[in-house]
C-alpha cells in the first residue's frame, strides 16, 4: 500500500489544479477560489464536496467542469492516480475488497487486466453463475425493444455480435439489472 493514514488527505486532480481535489478516502471536492465576476470584479466561490453517481456497472463517477465543458471520471481512477504509485504503468485499478464503490486509497491497486479478472472470487463467481455455462453453450437470448416491444431472438452471443450488438455489452446486460443495451432489454430464454 502506498498511502496508509487515518487522516483524510486532499490532492489536486491533474488537469484541474486549483479547481478540484480528490481525497485518500475517495471523496471529490471543488476548492474555494476567486474568479472574475460578471463585470470583471473578483467573485469568491466556496468549494463543496461533490455528489457521486453510481454507474450501471457499480463504479462511482463524478462530473468535473473546466472551461464550460463537463467531463465524467470514475472516482477510483482519480484516487489511484493521486495516491497510488504505478511504476509498471499498469492500466487497470483493482478494488482489493471487490466492492466497486469503496474508493478509499488503501483499497485500490494498479494491476493488469488478467490479474483483475482472476483476483479474489472473480473467476469462481463467474463460473458458478447460473448463466455462465449457458452463454458458452449457445442458449437462446431475447432482446425486446423498450419503445416498440419488438422482440429479437439470438441463439448465442456470437450471433448477436454478428447482428451488430457487441458480444461483451450483451453479456454485461444479461448479468445486470436493468438489462438495457442499445434500446433493448436483454434476457435469457429458458
C-alpha atoms as a PDB file:
ATOM      1  CA  UNK A   1       0.000   0.000   0.000  1.00  0.00           C
ATOM      2  CA  UNK A   2       1.387   3.360  -0.983  1.00  0.00           C
ATOM      3  CA  UNK A   3      -0.823   5.509   1.196  1.00  0.00           C
ATOM      4  CA  UNK A   4      -1.811   4.430   4.696  1.00  0.00           C
ATOM      5  CA  UNK A   5      -3.231   7.003   7.076  1.00  0.00           C
ATOM      6  CA  UNK A   6      -6.263   7.571   9.249  1.00  0.00           C
ATOM      7  CA  UNK A   7      -6.261  11.210   8.189  1.00  0.00           C
ATOM      8  CA  UNK A   8      -8.089  12.268   5.056  1.00  0.00           C
ATOM      9  CA  UNK A   9      -5.600  13.856   2.663  1.00  0.00           C
ATOM     10  CA  UNK A  10      -6.632  16.002  -0.319  1.00  0.00           C
ATOM     11  CA  UNK A  11      -4.649  16.388  -3.551  1.00  0.00           C
ATOM     12  CA  UNK A  12      -5.286  18.412  -6.704  1.00  0.00           C
ATOM     13  CA  UNK A  13      -6.733  16.475  -9.629  1.00  0.00           C
ATOM     14  CA  UNK A  14      -4.317  16.521 -12.557  1.00  0.00           C
ATOM     15  CA  UNK A  15      -5.604  18.915 -15.196  1.00  0.00           C
ATOM     16  CA  UNK A  16      -7.955  20.564 -12.669  1.00  0.00           C
ATOM     17  CA  UNK A  17      -5.368  22.023 -10.275  1.00  0.00           C
ATOM     18  CA  UNK A  18      -6.763  24.807  -8.106  1.00  0.00           C
ATOM     19  CA  UNK A  19     -10.338  23.841  -9.024  1.00  0.00           C
ATOM     20  CA  UNK A  20     -10.948  20.216  -7.903  1.00  0.00           C
ATOM     21  CA  UNK A  21      -9.309  17.859  -5.420  1.00  0.00           C
ATOM     22  CA  UNK A  22      -9.633  14.160  -4.615  1.00  0.00           C
ATOM     23  CA  UNK A  23      -9.166  12.665  -1.146  1.00  0.00           C
ATOM     24  CA  UNK A  24      -7.492   9.498   0.088  1.00  0.00           C
ATOM     25  CA  UNK A  25     -10.959   8.487   1.365  1.00  0.00           C
ATOM     26  CA  UNK A  26     -12.460   8.574  -2.143  1.00  0.00           C
ATOM     27  CA  UNK A  27     -14.246  11.918  -1.980  1.00  0.00           C
ATOM     28  CA  UNK A  28     -14.025  14.703  -4.580  1.00  0.00           C
ATOM     29  CA  UNK A  29     -14.475  18.409  -3.942  1.00  0.00           C
ATOM     30  CA  UNK A  30     -14.280  21.760  -5.624  1.00  0.00           C
ATOM     31  CA  UNK A  31     -11.973  24.206  -3.849  1.00  0.00           C
ATOM     32  CA  UNK A  32     -12.564  27.731  -2.613  1.00  0.00           C
ATOM     33  CA  UNK A  33     -11.399  30.104  -5.315  1.00  0.00           C
ATOM     34  CA  UNK A  34     -11.740  33.607  -6.661  1.00  0.00           C
ATOM     35  CA  UNK A  35     -12.894  34.069 -10.258  1.00  0.00           C
ATOM     36  CA  UNK A  36     -13.797  37.051 -12.388  1.00  0.00           C
ATOM     37  CA  UNK A  37     -17.402  38.050 -11.893  1.00  0.00           C
ATOM     38  CA  UNK A  38     -19.852  39.241 -14.495  1.00  0.00           C
ATOM     39  CA  UNK A  39     -18.286  42.716 -14.827  1.00  0.00           C
ATOM     40  CA  UNK A  40     -14.673  41.706 -14.226  1.00  0.00           C
ATOM     41  CA  UNK A  41     -14.779  42.168 -10.471  1.00  0.00           C
ATOM     42  CA  UNK A  42     -13.495  39.326  -8.277  1.00  0.00           C
ATOM     43  CA  UNK A  43     -16.053  36.805  -7.098  1.00  0.00           C
ATOM     44  CA  UNK A  44     -15.464  34.221  -4.382  1.00  0.00           C
ATOM     45  CA  UNK A  45     -16.720  30.677  -4.990  1.00  0.00           C
ATOM     46  CA  UNK A  46     -16.949  28.379  -1.992  1.00  0.00           C
ATOM     47  CA  UNK A  47     -15.827  24.791  -2.560  1.00  0.00           C
ATOM     48  CA  UNK A  48     -18.106  21.826  -1.879  1.00  0.00           C
ATOM     49  CA  UNK A  49     -17.833  18.026  -1.736  1.00  0.00           C
ATOM     50  CA  UNK A  50     -19.297  16.765  -4.999  1.00  0.00           C
ATOM     51  CA  UNK A  51     -22.118  14.258  -5.267  1.00  0.00           C
ATOM     52  CA  UNK A  52     -21.045  10.978  -6.832  1.00  0.00           C
ATOM     53  CA  UNK A  53     -23.168   8.948  -9.202  1.00  0.00           C
ATOM     54  CA  UNK A  54     -23.246   5.143  -9.272  1.00  0.00           C
ATOM     55  CA  UNK A  55     -22.868   3.847 -12.816  1.00  0.00           C
ATOM     56  CA  UNK A  56     -24.674   0.749 -14.105  1.00  0.00           C
ATOM     57  CA  UNK A  57     -21.541  -1.335 -13.588  1.00  0.00           C
ATOM     58  CA  UNK A  58     -21.411  -0.392  -9.885  1.00  0.00           C
ATOM     59  CA  UNK A  59     -18.487   2.042 -10.059  1.00  0.00           C
ATOM     60  CA  UNK A  60     -18.810   5.615  -8.807  1.00  0.00           C
ATOM     61  CA  UNK A  61     -18.186   8.610 -11.052  1.00  0.00           C
ATOM     62  CA  UNK A  62     -18.109  12.352 -10.700  1.00  0.00           C
ATOM     63  CA  UNK A  63     -18.579  15.228 -13.150  1.00  0.00           C
ATOM     64  CA  UNK A  64     -15.902  17.923 -13.388  1.00  0.00           C
ATOM     65  CA  UNK A  65     -16.258  21.185 -15.288  1.00  0.00           C
ATOM     66  CA  UNK A  66     -13.479  23.190 -16.915  1.00  0.00           C
ATOM     67  CA  UNK A  67     -13.795  25.948 -19.487  1.00  0.00           C
ATOM     68  CA  UNK A  68     -17.522  25.325 -19.782  1.00  0.00           C
ATOM     69  CA  UNK A  69     -17.017  21.644 -20.664  1.00  0.00           C
ATOM     70  CA  UNK A  70     -18.169  18.849 -18.369  1.00  0.00           C
ATOM     71  CA  UNK A  71     -16.285  15.541 -18.224  1.00  0.00           C
ATOM     72  CA  UNK A  72     -17.146  12.487 -16.125  1.00  0.00           C
ATOM     73  CA  UNK A  73     -14.458  10.472 -14.344  1.00  0.00           C
ATOM     74  CA  UNK A  74     -14.530   7.181 -12.433  1.00  0.00           C
ATOM     75  CA  UNK A  75     -13.688   8.081  -8.833  1.00  0.00           C
ATOM     76  CA  UNK A  76     -11.395   5.076  -8.322  1.00  0.00           C
ATOM     77  CA  UNK A  77      -9.238   6.270 -11.221  1.00  0.00           C
ATOM     78  CA  UNK A  78      -8.926   9.778  -9.720  1.00  0.00           C
ATOM     79  CA  UNK A  79      -7.973   8.342  -6.309  1.00  0.00           C
ATOM     80  CA  UNK A  80      -5.455   5.860  -7.716  1.00  0.00           C
ATOM     81  CA  UNK A  81      -3.869   8.493  -9.967  1.00  0.00           C
ATOM     82  CA  UNK A  82      -3.373  10.801  -6.990  1.00  0.00           C
ATOM     83  CA  UNK A  83      -2.377   8.340  -4.255  1.00  0.00           C
ATOM     84  CA  UNK A  84      -1.166   5.004  -5.665  1.00  0.00           C
ATOM     85  CA  UNK A  85       2.225   4.664  -7.329  1.00  0.00           C
ATOM     86  CA  UNK A  86       2.210   2.884 -10.686  1.00  0.00           C
ATOM     87  CA  UNK A  87       5.865   2.181 -11.557  1.00  0.00           C
ATOM     88  CA  UNK A  88       4.899  -0.583 -14.013  1.00  0.00           C
ATOM     89  CA  UNK A  89       2.379   1.617 -15.856  1.00  0.00           C
ATOM     90  CA  UNK A  90      -0.431  -0.879 -15.259  1.00  0.00           C
ATOM     91  CA  UNK A  91      -3.682   0.165 -16.993  1.00  0.00           C
ATOM     92  CA  UNK A  92      -6.291  -1.259 -14.582  1.00  0.00           C
ATOM     93  CA  UNK A  93      -7.297  -0.490 -10.999  1.00  0.00           C
ATOM     94  CA  UNK A  94      -8.345  -3.341  -8.712  1.00  0.00           C
ATOM     95  CA  UNK A  95     -10.629  -2.947  -5.683  1.00  0.00           C
ATOM     96  CA  UNK A  96      -8.994  -5.232  -3.113  1.00  0.00           C
ATOM     97  CA  UNK A  97     -12.215  -5.889  -1.196  1.00  0.00           C
ATOM     98  CA  UNK A  98     -14.105  -6.352  -4.509  1.00  0.00           C
ATOM     99  CA  UNK A  99     -16.536  -3.569  -3.534  1.00  0.00           C
ATOM    100  CA  UNK A 100     -16.734  -1.249  -6.529  1.00  0.00           C
ATOM    101  CA  UNK A 101     -17.922   1.787  -4.586  1.00  0.00           C
ATOM    102  CA  UNK A 102     -15.197   1.567  -1.893  1.00  0.00           C
ATOM    103  CA  UNK A 103     -12.701   4.043  -3.330  1.00  0.00           C
ATOM    104  CA  UNK A 104     -10.510   4.505  -0.251  1.00  0.00           C
ATOM    105  CA  UNK A 105      -6.869   4.670  -1.371  1.00  0.00           C
ATOM    106  CA  UNK A 106      -5.973   1.696   0.841  1.00  0.00           C
ATOM    107  CA  UNK A 107      -8.485  -0.440  -1.114  1.00  0.00           C
ATOM    108  CA  UNK A 108      -7.045   0.265  -4.573  1.00  0.00           C
ATOM    109  CA  UNK A 109      -4.089  -1.119  -6.517  1.00  0.00           C
ATOM    110  CA  UNK A 110      -2.828  -0.786 -10.081  1.00  0.00           C
ATOM    111  CA  UNK A 111      -2.742  -4.085 -11.992  1.00  0.00           C
ATOM    112  CA  UNK A 112      -3.095  -5.837 -15.330  1.00  0.00           C
ATOM    113  CA  UNK A 113      -6.470  -6.785 -16.806  1.00  0.00           C
ATOM    114  CA  UNK A 114      -5.767 -10.507 -16.360  1.00  0.00           C
ATOM    115  CA  UNK A 115      -4.833 -10.027 -12.689  1.00  0.00           C
ATOM    116  CA  UNK A 116      -8.009  -8.025 -12.127  1.00  0.00           C
ATOM    117  CA  UNK A 117     -10.201 -10.709 -13.717  1.00  0.00           C
ATOM    118  CA  UNK A 118      -8.570 -13.504 -11.699  1.00  0.00           C
ATOM    119  CA  UNK A 119      -8.474 -11.545  -8.434  1.00  0.00           C
ATOM    120  CA  UNK A 120     -10.293 -12.941  -5.396  1.00  0.00           C
ATOM    121  CA  UNK A 121     -13.530 -14.711  -6.215  1.00  0.00           C
ATOM    122  CA  UNK A 122     -13.882 -13.258  -9.713  1.00  0.00           C
ATOM    123  CA  UNK A 123     -13.356 -16.489 -11.655  1.00  0.00           C
ATOM    124  CA  UNK A 124     -15.275 -18.560  -9.095  1.00  0.00           C
ATOM    125  CA  UNK A 125     -18.246 -16.162  -9.200  1.00  0.00           C
ATOM    126  CA  UNK A 126     -18.273 -16.081 -12.977  1.00  0.00           C
ATOM    127  CA  UNK A 127     -18.081 -19.867 -13.384  1.00  0.00           C
ATOM    128  CA  UNK A 128     -20.661 -20.585 -10.700  1.00  0.00           C
ATOM    129  CA  UNK A 129     -23.144 -18.092 -12.079  1.00  0.00           C
ATOM    130  CA  UNK A 130     -26.283 -19.724 -13.345  1.00  0.00           C
ATOM    131  CA  UNK A 131     -25.888 -18.349 -16.855  1.00  0.00           C
ATOM    132  CA  UNK A 132     -22.127 -18.735 -17.399  1.00  0.00           C
ATOM    133  CA  UNK A 133     -22.223 -22.166 -18.999  1.00  0.00           C
ATOM    134  CA  UNK A 134     -25.422 -21.375 -20.896  1.00  0.00           C
ATOM    135  CA  UNK A 135     -23.779 -18.459 -22.730  1.00  0.00           C
ATOM    136  CA  UNK A 136     -20.890 -20.724 -23.688  1.00  0.00           C
ATOM    137  CA  UNK A 137     -23.274 -23.422 -24.943  1.00  0.00           C
ATOM    138  CA  UNK A 138     -25.458 -21.292 -27.199  1.00  0.00           C
ATOM    139  CA  UNK A 139     -28.673 -20.812 -25.239  1.00  0.00           C
ATOM    140  CA  UNK A 140     -31.334 -18.531 -26.626  1.00  0.00           C
ATOM    141  CA  UNK A 141     -31.281 -14.825 -25.800  1.00  0.00           C
ATOM    142  CA  UNK A 142     -34.250 -12.497 -26.202  1.00  0.00           C
ATOM    143  CA  UNK A 143     -33.886  -8.766 -26.897  1.00  0.00           C
ATOM    144  CA  UNK A 144     -37.042  -6.658 -26.560  1.00  0.00           C
ATOM    145  CA  UNK A 145     -37.087  -3.111 -27.937  1.00  0.00           C
ATOM    146  CA  UNK A 146     -38.134  -0.916 -24.992  1.00  0.00           C
ATOM    147  CA  UNK A 147     -40.026   1.530 -27.232  1.00  0.00           C
ATOM    148  CA  UNK A 148     -41.729  -0.707 -29.777  1.00  0.00           C
ATOM    149  CA  UNK A 149     -41.907  -4.040 -27.937  1.00  0.00           C
ATOM    150  CA  UNK A 150     -40.429  -5.796 -30.982  1.00  0.00           C
ATOM    151  CA  UNK A 151     -38.558  -8.962 -29.983  1.00  0.00           C
ATOM    152  CA  UNK A 152     -35.361 -10.381 -31.466  1.00  0.00           C
ATOM    153  CA  UNK A 153     -34.113 -13.890 -30.648  1.00  0.00           C
ATOM    154  CA  UNK A 154     -30.475 -14.966 -30.797  1.00  0.00           C
ATOM    155  CA  UNK A 155     -29.078 -18.465 -30.273  1.00  0.00           C
ATOM    156  CA  UNK A 156     -25.716 -17.210 -28.969  1.00  0.00           C
ATOM    157  CA  UNK A 157     -23.768 -14.115 -28.044  1.00  0.00           C
ATOM    158  CA  UNK A 158     -21.807 -14.657 -31.233  1.00  0.00           C
ATOM    159  CA  UNK A 159     -24.989 -14.409 -33.309  1.00  0.00           C
ATOM    160  CA  UNK A 160     -25.985 -11.167 -31.539  1.00  0.00           C
ATOM    161  CA  UNK A 161     -22.477  -9.865 -32.254  1.00  0.00           C
ATOM    162  CA  UNK A 162     -22.843 -10.662 -35.960  1.00  0.00           C
ATOM    163  CA  UNK A 163     -26.121  -8.706 -35.990  1.00  0.00           C
ATOM    164  CA  UNK A 164     -24.404  -5.545 -34.704  1.00  0.00           C
ATOM    165  CA  UNK A 165     -24.669  -5.952 -30.917  1.00  0.00           C
ATOM    166  CA  UNK A 166     -21.364  -6.128 -29.049  1.00  0.00           C
ATOM    167  CA  UNK A 167     -20.940  -9.589 -27.529  1.00  0.00           C
ATOM    168  CA  UNK A 168     -19.318  -8.071 -24.462  1.00  0.00           C
ATOM    169  CA  UNK A 169     -22.045  -5.455 -23.952  1.00  0.00           C
ATOM    170  CA  UNK A 170     -24.827  -8.023 -24.404  1.00  0.00           C
ATOM    171  CA  UNK A 171     -23.115 -10.280 -21.858  1.00  0.00           C
ATOM    172  CA  UNK A 172     -22.936  -7.395 -19.388  1.00  0.00           C
ATOM    173  CA  UNK A 173     -26.588  -6.500 -19.966  1.00  0.00           C
ATOM    174  CA  UNK A 174     -27.609 -10.105 -19.307  1.00  0.00           C
ATOM    175  CA  UNK A 175     -25.852 -10.034 -15.929  1.00  0.00           C
ATOM    176  CA  UNK A 176     -27.144  -6.719 -14.542  1.00  0.00           C
ATOM    177  CA  UNK A 177     -30.405  -5.033 -13.766  1.00  0.00           C
ATOM    178  CA  UNK A 178     -31.671  -3.002 -15.538  1.00  0.00           C
ATOM    179  CA  UNK A 179     -30.554  -5.020 -18.545  1.00  0.00           C
ATOM    180  CA  UNK A 180     -30.844  -2.303 -21.208  1.00  0.00           C
ATOM    181  CA  UNK A 181     -28.339  -2.044 -24.065  1.00  0.00           C
ATOM    182  CA  UNK A 182     -28.881  -0.222 -27.394  1.00  0.00           C
ATOM    183  CA  UNK A 183     -32.543   0.353 -26.543  1.00  0.00           C
ATOM    184  CA  UNK A 184     -33.254  -3.358 -25.955  1.00  0.00           C
ATOM    185  CA  UNK A 185     -33.980  -5.240 -22.743  1.00  0.00           C
ATOM    186  CA  UNK A 186     -31.881  -8.428 -22.726  1.00  0.00           C
ATOM    187  CA  UNK A 187     -32.779 -11.717 -21.051  1.00  0.00           C
ATOM    188  CA  UNK A 188     -32.195 -15.442 -21.317  1.00  0.00           C
ATOM    189  CA  UNK A 189     -34.947 -17.663 -22.686  1.00  0.00           C
ATOM    190  CA  UNK A 190     -35.378 -20.897 -20.718  1.00  0.00           C
END
